[in-house]
């Protein structure tokens, strides 16, 4: 597996993970069930474990997994630093 491919796969899993996290936060702030929020937390954990299992199962080396993690971190940094909040006021749950 090439490094650029591993970074792209890590970024794709990062996008999926951040999408589920975004949905979970929306559910929590809208006043819906906290159990649904917890279920989405388990889904996020399952995504990470399955991504690691898939990488190991496909024969990825430690370097490939490290580059995949780099892609995941890049998506996380983009989501936390460059995406603007939905509302300028304080959070409704505070």
PDB file of N, CA and C in Angstrom:
ATOM      1  N   UNK A   1       0.862  -1.180   0.000  1.00  0.00           N
ATOM      2  CA  UNK A   1       0.000   0.000   0.000  1.00  0.00           C
ATOM      3  C   UNK A   1       0.898   1.229   0.000  1.00  0.00           C
ATOM      4  N   UNK A   2       0.589   2.172  -0.845  1.00  0.00           N
ATOM      5  CA  UNK A   2       1.399   3.382  -0.889  1.00  0.00           C
ATOM      6  C   UNK A   2       0.973   4.348   0.212  1.00  0.00           C
ATOM      7  N   UNK A   3       1.863   5.279   0.505  1.00  0.00           N
ATOM      8  CA  UNK A   3       1.595   6.226   1.585  1.00  0.00           C
ATOM      9  C   UNK A   3       0.417   7.139   1.254  1.00  0.00           C
ATOM     10  N   UNK A   4       0.327   7.592   0.015  1.00  0.00           N
ATOM     11  CA  UNK A   4      -0.769   8.496  -0.352  1.00  0.00           C
ATOM     12  C   UNK A   4      -2.113   7.785  -0.273  1.00  0.00           C
ATOM     13  N   UNK A   5      -2.156   6.511  -0.639  1.00  0.00           N
ATOM     14  CA  UNK A   5      -3.393   5.745  -0.537  1.00  0.00           C
ATOM     15  C   UNK A   5      -3.785   5.564   0.928  1.00  0.00           C
ATOM     16  N   UNK A   6      -2.813   5.297   1.786  1.00  0.00           N
ATOM     17  CA  UNK A   6      -3.099   5.130   3.213  1.00  0.00           C
ATOM     18  C   UNK A   6      -3.608   6.431   3.823  1.00  0.00           C
ATOM     19  N   UNK A   7      -3.045   7.559   3.405  1.00  0.00           N
ATOM     20  CA  UNK A   7      -3.510   8.854   3.906  1.00  0.00           C
ATOM     21  C   UNK A   7      -4.946   9.106   3.445  1.00  0.00           C
ATOM     22  N   UNK A   8      -5.260   8.760   2.201  1.00  0.00           N
ATOM     23  CA  UNK A   8      -6.625   8.953   1.689  1.00  0.00           C
ATOM     24  C   UNK A   8      -7.631   8.058   2.419  1.00  0.00           C
ATOM     25  N   UNK A   9      -7.262   6.816   2.667  1.00  0.00           N
ATOM     26  CA  UNK A   9      -8.162   5.912   3.390  1.00  0.00           C
ATOM     27  C   UNK A   9      -8.355   6.407   4.816  1.00  0.00           C
ATOM     28  N   UNK A  10      -7.289   6.851   5.471  1.00  0.00           N
ATOM     29  CA  UNK A  10      -7.406   7.414   6.812  1.00  0.00           C
ATOM     30  C   UNK A  10      -8.272   8.661   6.823  1.00  0.00           C
ATOM     31  N   UNK A  11      -8.131   9.491   5.803  1.00  0.00           N
ATOM     32  CA  UNK A  11      -8.974  10.680   5.684  1.00  0.00           C
ATOM     33  C   UNK A  11     -10.438  10.325   5.467  1.00  0.00           C
ATOM     34  N   UNK A  12     -10.693   9.285   4.693  1.00  0.00           N
ATOM     35  CA  UNK A  12     -12.076   8.859   4.456  1.00  0.00           C
ATOM     36  C   UNK A  12     -12.716   8.367   5.750  1.00  0.00           C
ATOM     37  N   UNK A  13     -11.976   7.564   6.515  1.00  0.00           N
ATOM     38  CA  UNK A  13     -12.501   7.123   7.807  1.00  0.00           C
ATOM     39  C   UNK A  13     -12.657   8.310   8.753  1.00  0.00           C
ATOM     40  N   UNK A  14     -11.755   9.281   8.653  1.00  0.00           N
ATOM     41  CA  UNK A  14     -11.875  10.484   9.472  1.00  0.00           C
ATOM     42  C   UNK A  14     -13.121  11.278   9.137  1.00  0.00           C
ATOM     43  N   UNK A  15     -13.439  11.400   7.850  1.00  0.00           N
ATOM     44  CA  UNK A  15     -14.671  12.083   7.441  1.00  0.00           C
ATOM     45  C   UNK A  15     -15.909  11.362   7.953  1.00  0.00           C
ATOM     46  N   UNK A  16     -15.903  10.048   7.851  1.00  0.00           N
ATOM     47  CA  UNK A  16     -17.031   9.262   8.351  1.00  0.00           C
ATOM     48  C   UNK A  16     -17.168   9.421   9.861  1.00  0.00           C
ATOM     49  N   UNK A  17     -16.052   9.359  10.569  1.00  0.00           N
ATOM     50  CA  UNK A  17     -16.057   9.514  12.021  1.00  0.00           C
ATOM     51  C   UNK A  17     -16.571  10.903  12.415  1.00  0.00           C
ATOM     52  N   UNK A  18     -16.081  11.946  11.753  1.00  0.00           N
ATOM     53  CA  UNK A  18     -16.524  13.309  12.084  1.00  0.00           C
ATOM     54  C   UNK A  18     -17.987  13.521  11.720  1.00  0.00           C
ATOM     55  N   UNK A  19     -18.469  12.860  10.688  1.00  0.00           N
ATOM     56  CA  UNK A  19     -19.876  12.946  10.339  1.00  0.00           C
ATOM     57  C   UNK A  19     -20.769  12.345  11.413  1.00  0.00           C
ATOM     58  N   UNK A  20     -20.367  11.193  11.935  1.00  0.00           N
ATOM     59  CA  UNK A  20     -21.129  10.570  13.017  1.00  0.00           C
ATOM     60  C   UNK A  20     -21.036  11.413  14.284  1.00  0.00           C
ATOM     61  N   UNK A  21     -19.870  11.986  14.548  1.00  0.00           N
ATOM     62  CA  UNK A  21     -19.717  12.864  15.715  1.00  0.00           C
ATOM     63  C   UNK A  21     -20.597  14.101  15.582  1.00  0.00           C
ATOM     64  N   UNK A  22     -20.658  14.684  14.386  1.00  0.00           N
ATOM     65  CA  UNK A  22     -21.498  15.849  14.144  1.00  0.00           C
ATOM     66  C   UNK A  22     -22.968  15.504  14.405  1.00  0.00           C
ATOM     67  N   UNK A  23     -23.398  14.332  13.908  1.00  0.00           N
ATOM     68  CA  UNK A  23     -24.783  13.911  14.123  1.00  0.00           C
ATOM     69  C   UNK A  23     -25.062  13.683  15.604  1.00  0.00           C
ATOM     70  N   UNK A  24     -24.096  13.123  16.324  1.00  0.00           N
ATOM     71  CA  UNK A  24     -24.287  12.870  17.754  1.00  0.00           C
ATOM     72  C   UNK A  24     -24.414  14.170  18.534  1.00  0.00           C
ATOM     73  N   UNK A  25     -23.615  15.149  18.197  1.00  0.00           N
ATOM     74  CA  UNK A  25     -23.691  16.440  18.886  1.00  0.00           C
ATOM     75  C   UNK A  25     -25.003  17.131  18.566  1.00  0.00           C
ATOM     76  N   UNK A  26     -25.458  17.034  17.324  1.00  0.00           N
ATOM     77  CA  UNK A  26     -26.753  17.607  16.957  1.00  0.00           C
ATOM     78  C   UNK A  26     -27.884  16.970  17.760  1.00  0.00           C
ATOM     79  N   UNK A  27     -27.819  15.663  17.938  1.00  0.00           N
ATOM     80  CA  UNK A  27     -28.846  14.957  18.713  1.00  0.00           C
ATOM     81  C   UNK A  27     -28.813  15.393  20.166  1.00  0.00           C
ATOM     82  N   UNK A  28     -27.617  15.527  20.717  1.00  0.00           N
ATOM     83  CA  UNK A  28     -27.491  15.910  22.126  1.00  0.00           C
ATOM     84  C   UNK A  28     -27.980  17.331  22.357  1.00  0.00           C
ATOM     85  N   UNK A  29     -27.665  18.256  21.463  1.00  0.00           N
ATOM     86  CA  UNK A  29     -28.068  19.650  21.664  1.00  0.00           C
ATOM     87  C   UNK A  29     -29.528  19.899  21.321  1.00  0.00           C
ATOM     88  N   UNK A  30     -30.166  18.989  20.583  1.00  0.00           N
ATOM     89  CA  UNK A  30     -31.576  19.184  20.252  1.00  0.00           C
ATOM     90  C   UNK A  30     -32.498  18.653  21.339  1.00  0.00           C
ATOM     91  N   UNK A  31     -31.941  18.057  22.364  1.00  0.00           N
ATOM     92  CA  UNK A  31     -32.755  17.578  23.477  1.00  0.00           C
ATOM     93  C   UNK A  31     -33.317  16.186  23.265  1.00  0.00           C
ATOM     94  N   UNK A  32     -32.826  15.465  22.295  1.00  0.00           N
ATOM     95  CA  UNK A  32     -33.300  14.101  22.082  1.00  0.00           C
ATOM     96  C   UNK A  32     -32.652  13.169  23.094  1.00  0.00           C
ATOM     97  N   UNK A  33     -32.916  11.909  22.958  1.00  0.00           N
ATOM     98  CA  UNK A  33     -32.488  10.904  23.928  1.00  0.00           C
ATOM     99  C   UNK A  33     -30.973  10.834  24.059  1.00  0.00           C
ATOM    100  N   UNK A  34     -30.528  10.771  25.289  1.00  0.00           N
ATOM    101  CA  UNK A  34     -29.100  10.621  25.544  1.00  0.00           C
ATOM    102  C   UNK A  34     -28.637   9.215  25.169  1.00  0.00           C
ATOM    103  N   UNK A  35     -29.574   8.270  25.108  1.00  0.00           N
ATOM    104  CA  UNK A  35     -29.221   6.909  24.719  1.00  0.00           C
ATOM    105  C   UNK A  35     -28.831   6.845  23.241  1.00  0.00           C
ATOM    106  N   UNK A  36     -29.471   7.669  22.437  1.00  0.00           N
ATOM    107  CA  UNK A  36     -29.097   7.738  21.027  1.00  0.00           C
ATOM    108  C   UNK A  36     -27.699   8.330  20.871  1.00  0.00           C
ATOM    109  N   UNK A  37     -27.397   9.327  21.697  1.00  0.00           N
ATOM    110  CA  UNK A  37     -26.051   9.899  21.701  1.00  0.00           C
ATOM    111  C   UNK A  37     -25.026   8.841  22.098  1.00  0.00           C
ATOM    112  N   UNK A  38     -25.342   8.053  23.121  1.00  0.00           N
ATOM    113  CA  UNK A  38     -24.433   6.989  23.562  1.00  0.00           C
ATOM    114  C   UNK A  38     -24.279   5.918  22.480  1.00  0.00           C
ATOM    115  N   UNK A  39     -25.367   5.600  21.778  1.00  0.00           N
ATOM    116  CA  UNK A  39     -25.291   4.607  20.708  1.00  0.00           C
ATOM    117  C   UNK A  39     -24.386   5.093  19.580  1.00  0.00           C
ATOM    118  N   UNK A  40     -24.462   6.379  19.273  1.00  0.00           N
ATOM    119  CA  UNK A  40     -23.575   6.915  18.235  1.00  0.00           C
ATOM    120  C   UNK A  40     -22.124   6.942  18.718  1.00  0.00           C
ATOM    121  N   UNK A  41     -21.910   7.083  20.013  1.00  0.00           N
ATOM    122  CA  UNK A  41     -20.559   6.967  20.558  1.00  0.00           C
ATOM    123  C   UNK A  41     -20.012   5.562  20.377  1.00  0.00           C
ATOM    124  N   UNK A  42     -20.852   4.564  20.600  1.00  0.00           N
ATOM    125  CA  UNK A  42     -20.426   3.178  20.363  1.00  0.00           C
ATOM    126  C   UNK A  42     -20.173   2.931  18.878  1.00  0.00           C
ATOM    127  N   UNK A  43     -20.970   3.561  18.027  1.00  0.00           N
ATOM    128  CA  UNK A  43     -20.742   3.442  16.586  1.00  0.00           C
ATOM    129  C   UNK A  43     -19.393   4.032  16.194  1.00  0.00           C
ATOM    130  N   UNK A  44     -19.048   5.184  16.773  1.00  0.00           N
ATOM    131  CA  UNK A  44     -17.741   5.789  16.471  1.00  0.00           C
ATOM    132  C   UNK A  44     -16.602   4.882  16.937  1.00  0.00           C
ATOM    133  N   UNK A  45     -16.744   4.305  18.127  1.00  0.00           N
ATOM    134  CA  UNK A  45     -15.711   3.378  18.606  1.00  0.00           C
ATOM    135  C   UNK A  45     -15.615   2.161  17.696  1.00  0.00           C
ATOM    136  N   UNK A  46     -16.759   1.667  17.249  1.00  0.00           N
ATOM    137  CA  UNK A  46     -16.760   0.536  16.329  1.00  0.00           C
ATOM    138  C   UNK A  46     -16.119   0.865  14.997  1.00  0.00           C
ATOM    139  N   UNK A  47     -16.311   2.094  14.525  1.00  0.00           N
ATOM    140  CA  UNK A  47     -15.660   2.517  13.280  1.00  0.00           C
ATOM    141  C   UNK A  47     -14.143   2.479  13.408  1.00  0.00           C
ATOM    142  N   UNK A  48     -13.642   2.971  14.537  1.00  0.00           N
ATOM    143  CA  UNK A  48     -12.186   2.986  14.720  1.00  0.00           C
ATOM    144  C   UNK A  48     -11.620   1.578  14.836  1.00  0.00           C
ATOM    145  N   UNK A  49     -12.294   0.726  15.593  1.00  0.00           N
ATOM    146  CA  UNK A  49     -11.819  -0.646  15.748  1.00  0.00           C
ATOM    147  C   UNK A  49     -11.897  -1.398  14.427  1.00  0.00           C
ATOM    148  N   UNK A  50     -12.994  -1.206  13.682  1.00  0.00           N
ATOM    149  CA  UNK A  50     -13.116  -1.905  12.404  1.00  0.00           C
ATOM    150  C   UNK A  50     -12.117  -1.387  11.373  1.00  0.00           C
ATOM    151  N   UNK A  51     -11.794  -0.101  11.416  1.00  0.00           N
ATOM    152  CA  UNK A  51     -10.781   0.425  10.497  1.00  0.00           C
ATOM    153  C   UNK A  51      -9.413  -0.188  10.795  1.00  0.00           C
ATOM    154  N   UNK A  52      -9.090  -0.310  12.057  1.00  0.00           N
ATOM    155  CA  UNK A  52      -7.813  -0.937  12.417  1.00  0.00           C
ATOM    156  C   UNK A  52      -7.802  -2.411  12.045  1.00  0.00           C
ATOM    157  N   UNK A  53      -8.914  -3.095  12.304  1.00  0.00           N
ATOM    158  CA  UNK A  53      -9.000  -4.511  11.946  1.00  0.00           C
ATOM    159  C   UNK A  53      -8.882  -4.695  10.439  1.00  0.00           C
ATOM    160  N   UNK A  54      -9.548  -3.833   9.673  1.00  0.00           N
ATOM    161  CA  UNK A  54      -9.487  -3.918   8.216  1.00  0.00           C
ATOM    162  C   UNK A  54      -8.068  -3.668   7.707  1.00  0.00           C
ATOM    163  N   UNK A  55      -7.369  -2.737   8.328  1.00  0.00           N
ATOM    164  CA  UNK A  55      -5.989  -2.457   7.919  1.00  0.00           C
ATOM    165  C   UNK A  55      -5.097  -3.660   8.200  1.00  0.00           C
ATOM    166  N   UNK A  56      -5.254  -4.255   9.367  1.00  0.00           N
ATOM    167  CA  UNK A  56      -4.424  -5.415   9.709  1.00  0.00           C
ATOM    168  C   UNK A  56      -4.792  -6.606   8.832  1.00  0.00           C
ATOM    169  N   UNK A  57      -6.086  -6.805   8.592  1.00  0.00           N
ATOM    170  CA  UNK A  57      -6.543  -7.923   7.780  1.00  0.00           C
ATOM    171  C   UNK A  57      -6.045  -7.808   6.338  1.00  0.00           C
ATOM    172  N   UNK A  58      -5.951  -6.577   5.826  1.00  0.00           N
ATOM    173  CA  UNK A  58      -5.512  -6.395   4.439  1.00  0.00           C
ATOM    174  C   UNK A  58      -3.991  -6.460   4.293  1.00  0.00           C
ATOM    175  N   UNK A  59      -3.285  -6.628   5.396  1.00  0.00           N
ATOM    176  CA  UNK A  59      -1.843  -6.775   5.322  1.00  0.00           C
ATOM    177  C   UNK A  59      -1.078  -5.466   5.384  1.00  0.00           C
ATOM    178  N   UNK A  60      -1.689  -4.453   5.933  1.00  0.00           N
ATOM    179  CA  UNK A  60      -1.018  -3.159   6.042  1.00  0.00           C
ATOM    180  C   UNK A  60       0.115  -3.242   7.056  1.00  0.00           C
ATOM    181  N   UNK A  61       1.187  -2.558   6.756  1.00  0.00           N
ATOM    182  CA  UNK A  61       2.313  -2.512   7.685  1.00  0.00           C
ATOM    183  C   UNK A  61       2.086  -1.409   8.716  1.00  0.00           C
ATOM    184  N   UNK A  62       2.971  -1.336   9.678  1.00  0.00           N
ATOM    185  CA  UNK A  62       2.872  -0.292  10.705  1.00  0.00           C
ATOM    186  C   UNK A  62       3.022   1.096  10.077  1.00  0.00           C
ATOM    187  N   UNK A  63       3.823   1.193   9.036  1.00  0.00           N
ATOM    188  CA  UNK A  63       3.999   2.481   8.347  1.00  0.00           C
ATOM    189  C   UNK A  63       2.698   2.886   7.659  1.00  0.00           C
ATOM    190  N   UNK A  64       2.021   1.931   7.039  1.00  0.00           N
ATOM    191  CA  UNK A  64       0.741   2.229   6.391  1.00  0.00           C
ATOM    192  C   UNK A  64      -0.293   2.687   7.419  1.00  0.00           C
ATOM    193  N   UNK A  65      -0.340   2.026   8.557  1.00  0.00           N
ATOM    194  CA  UNK A  65      -1.280   2.407   9.609  1.00  0.00           C
ATOM    195  C   UNK A  65      -0.930   3.789  10.148  1.00  0.00           C
ATOM    196  N   UNK A  66       0.354   4.087  10.259  1.00  0.00           N
ATOM    197  CA  UNK A  66       0.767   5.413  10.724  1.00  0.00           C
ATOM    198  C   UNK A  66       0.343   6.498   9.730  1.00  0.00           C
ATOM    199  N   UNK A  67       0.491   6.239   8.431  1.00  0.00           N
ATOM    200  CA  UNK A  67       0.063   7.218   7.435  1.00  0.00           C
ATOM    201  C   UNK A  67      -1.463   7.350   7.406  1.00  0.00           C
ATOM    202  N   UNK A  68      -2.173   6.255   7.626  1.00  0.00           N
ATOM    203  CA  UNK A  68      -3.626   6.324   7.736  1.00  0.00           C
ATOM    204  C   UNK A  68      -4.047   7.162   8.931  1.00  0.00           C
ATOM    205  N   UNK A  69      -3.346   6.996  10.032  1.00  0.00           N
ATOM    206  CA  UNK A  69      -3.615   7.813  11.218  1.00  0.00           C
ATOM    207  C   UNK A  69      -3.324   9.277  10.935  1.00  0.00           C
ATOM    208  N   UNK A  70      -2.310   9.545  10.166  1.00  0.00           N
ATOM    209  CA  UNK A  70      -1.992  10.915   9.775  1.00  0.00           C
ATOM    210  C   UNK A  70      -3.132  11.536   8.964  1.00  0.00           C
ATOM    211  N   UNK A  71      -3.725  10.770   8.052  1.00  0.00           N
ATOM    212  CA  UNK A  71      -4.873  11.254   7.296  1.00  0.00           C
ATOM    213  C   UNK A  71      -6.071  11.514   8.188  1.00  0.00           C
ATOM    214  N   UNK A  72      -6.296  10.638   9.157  1.00  0.00           N
ATOM    215  CA  UNK A  72      -7.393  10.816  10.113  1.00  0.00           C
ATOM    216  C   UNK A  72      -7.185  12.082  10.936  1.00  0.00           C
ATOM    217  N   UNK A  73      -5.973  12.303  11.406  1.00  0.00           N
ATOM    218  CA  UNK A  73      -5.661  13.488  12.212  1.00  0.00           C
ATOM    219  C   UNK A  73      -5.795  14.759  11.369  1.00  0.00           C
ATOM    220  N   UNK A  74      -5.422  14.697  10.103  1.00  0.00           N
ATOM    221  CA  UNK A  74      -5.559  15.862   9.232  1.00  0.00           C
ATOM    222  C   UNK A  74      -7.023  16.269   9.095  1.00  0.00           C
ATOM    223  N   UNK A  75      -7.916  15.292   8.930  1.00  0.00           N
ATOM    224  CA  UNK A  75      -9.344  15.598   8.839  1.00  0.00           C
ATOM    225  C   UNK A  75      -9.841  16.164  10.168  1.00  0.00           C
ATOM    226  N   UNK A  76      -9.382  15.603  11.272  1.00  0.00           N
ATOM    227  CA  UNK A  76      -9.789  16.099  12.584  1.00  0.00           C
ATOM    228  C   UNK A  76      -9.328  17.535  12.797  1.00  0.00           C
ATOM    229  N   UNK A  77      -8.099  17.840  12.424  1.00  0.00           N
ATOM    230  CA  UNK A  77      -7.603  19.208  12.566  1.00  0.00           C
ATOM    231  C   UNK A  77      -8.390  20.169  11.691  1.00  0.00           C
ATOM    232  N   UNK A  78      -8.713  19.748  10.477  1.00  0.00           N
ATOM    233  CA  UNK A  78      -9.520  20.598   9.607  1.00  0.00           C
ATOM    234  C   UNK A  78     -10.890  20.856  10.218  1.00  0.00           C
ATOM    235  N   UNK A  79     -11.501  19.808  10.759  1.00  0.00           N
ATOM    236  CA  UNK A  79     -12.847  19.952  11.329  1.00  0.00           C
ATOM    237  C   UNK A  79     -12.848  20.823  12.578  1.00  0.00           C
ATOM    238  N   UNK A  80     -11.827  20.758  13.377  1.00  0.00           N
ATOM    239  CA  UNK A  80     -11.828  21.527  14.626  1.00  0.00           C
ATOM    240  C   UNK A  80     -11.294  22.938  14.464  1.00  0.00           C
ATOM    241  N   UNK A  81     -10.489  23.208  13.468  1.00  0.00           N
ATOM    242  CA  UNK A  81      -9.896  24.541  13.333  1.00  0.00           C
ATOM    243  C   UNK A  81     -10.537  25.419  12.277  1.00  0.00           C
ATOM    244  N   UNK A  82     -11.015  24.834  11.202  1.00  0.00           N
ATOM    245  CA  UNK A  82     -11.462  25.646  10.081  1.00  0.00           C
ATOM    246  C   UNK A  82     -12.967  25.668   9.869  1.00  0.00           C
ATOM    247  N   UNK A  83     -13.688  24.761  10.469  1.00  0.00           N
ATOM    248  CA  UNK A  83     -15.134  24.753  10.321  1.00  0.00           C
ATOM    249  C   UNK A  83     -15.721  25.678  11.375  1.00  0.00           C
ATOM    250  N   UNK A  84     -16.538  26.607  10.930  1.00  0.00           N
ATOM    251  CA  UNK A  84     -17.123  27.606  11.831  1.00  0.00           C
ATOM    252  C   UNK A  84     -18.285  26.990  12.612  1.00  0.00           C
ATOM    253  N   UNK A  85     -18.522  27.459  13.845  1.00  0.00           N
ATOM    254  CA  UNK A  85     -19.673  26.959  14.598  1.00  0.00           C
ATOM    255  C   UNK A  85     -20.984  27.386  13.942  1.00  0.00           C
ATOM    256  N   UNK A  86     -22.034  26.613  14.201  1.00  0.00           N
ATOM    257  CA  UNK A  86     -23.331  26.871  13.571  1.00  0.00           C
ATOM    258  C   UNK A  86     -23.969  28.145  14.101  1.00  0.00           C
ATOM    259  N   UNK A  87     -23.793  28.434  15.383  1.00  0.00           N
ATOM    260  CA  UNK A  87     -24.383  29.632  15.962  1.00  0.00           C
ATOM    261  C   UNK A  87     -23.326  30.352  16.786  1.00  0.00           C
ATOM    262  N   UNK A  88     -23.397  31.655  16.790  1.00  0.00           N
ATOM    263  CA  UNK A  88     -22.384  32.437  17.491  1.00  0.00           C
ATOM    264  C   UNK A  88     -22.620  32.484  18.994  1.00  0.00           C
ATOM    265  N   UNK A  89     -23.844  32.254  19.443  1.00  0.00           N
ATOM    266  CA  UNK A  89     -24.184  32.321  20.860  1.00  0.00           C
ATOM    267  C   UNK A  89     -23.674  31.103  21.615  1.00  0.00           C
ATOM    268  N   UNK A  90     -23.988  31.094  22.902  1.00  0.00           N
ATOM    269  CA  UNK A  90     -23.593  29.958  23.728  1.00  0.00           C
ATOM    270  C   UNK A  90     -24.385  28.702  23.388  1.00  0.00           C
ATOM    271  N   UNK A  91     -23.896  27.597  23.836  1.00  0.00           N
ATOM    272  CA  UNK A  91     -24.558  26.334  23.580  1.00  0.00           C
ATOM    273  C   UNK A  91     -25.848  26.236  24.388  1.00  0.00           C
ATOM    274  N   UNK A  92     -26.848  25.571  23.825  1.00  0.00           N
ATOM    275  CA  UNK A  92     -28.149  25.481  24.486  1.00  0.00           C
ATOM    276  C   UNK A  92     -28.121  24.546  25.675  1.00  0.00           C
ATOM    277  N   UNK A  93     -27.133  23.679  25.778  1.00  0.00           N
ATOM    278  CA  UNK A  93     -27.110  22.708  26.875  1.00  0.00           C
ATOM    279  C   UNK A  93     -26.383  23.238  28.099  1.00  0.00           C
ATOM    280  N   UNK A  94     -25.782  24.418  28.028  1.00  0.00           N
ATOM    281  CA  UNK A  94     -25.056  24.949  29.185  1.00  0.00           C
ATOM    282  C   UNK A  94     -25.993  25.549  30.189  1.00  0.00           C
TER     283      UNK A  94
END
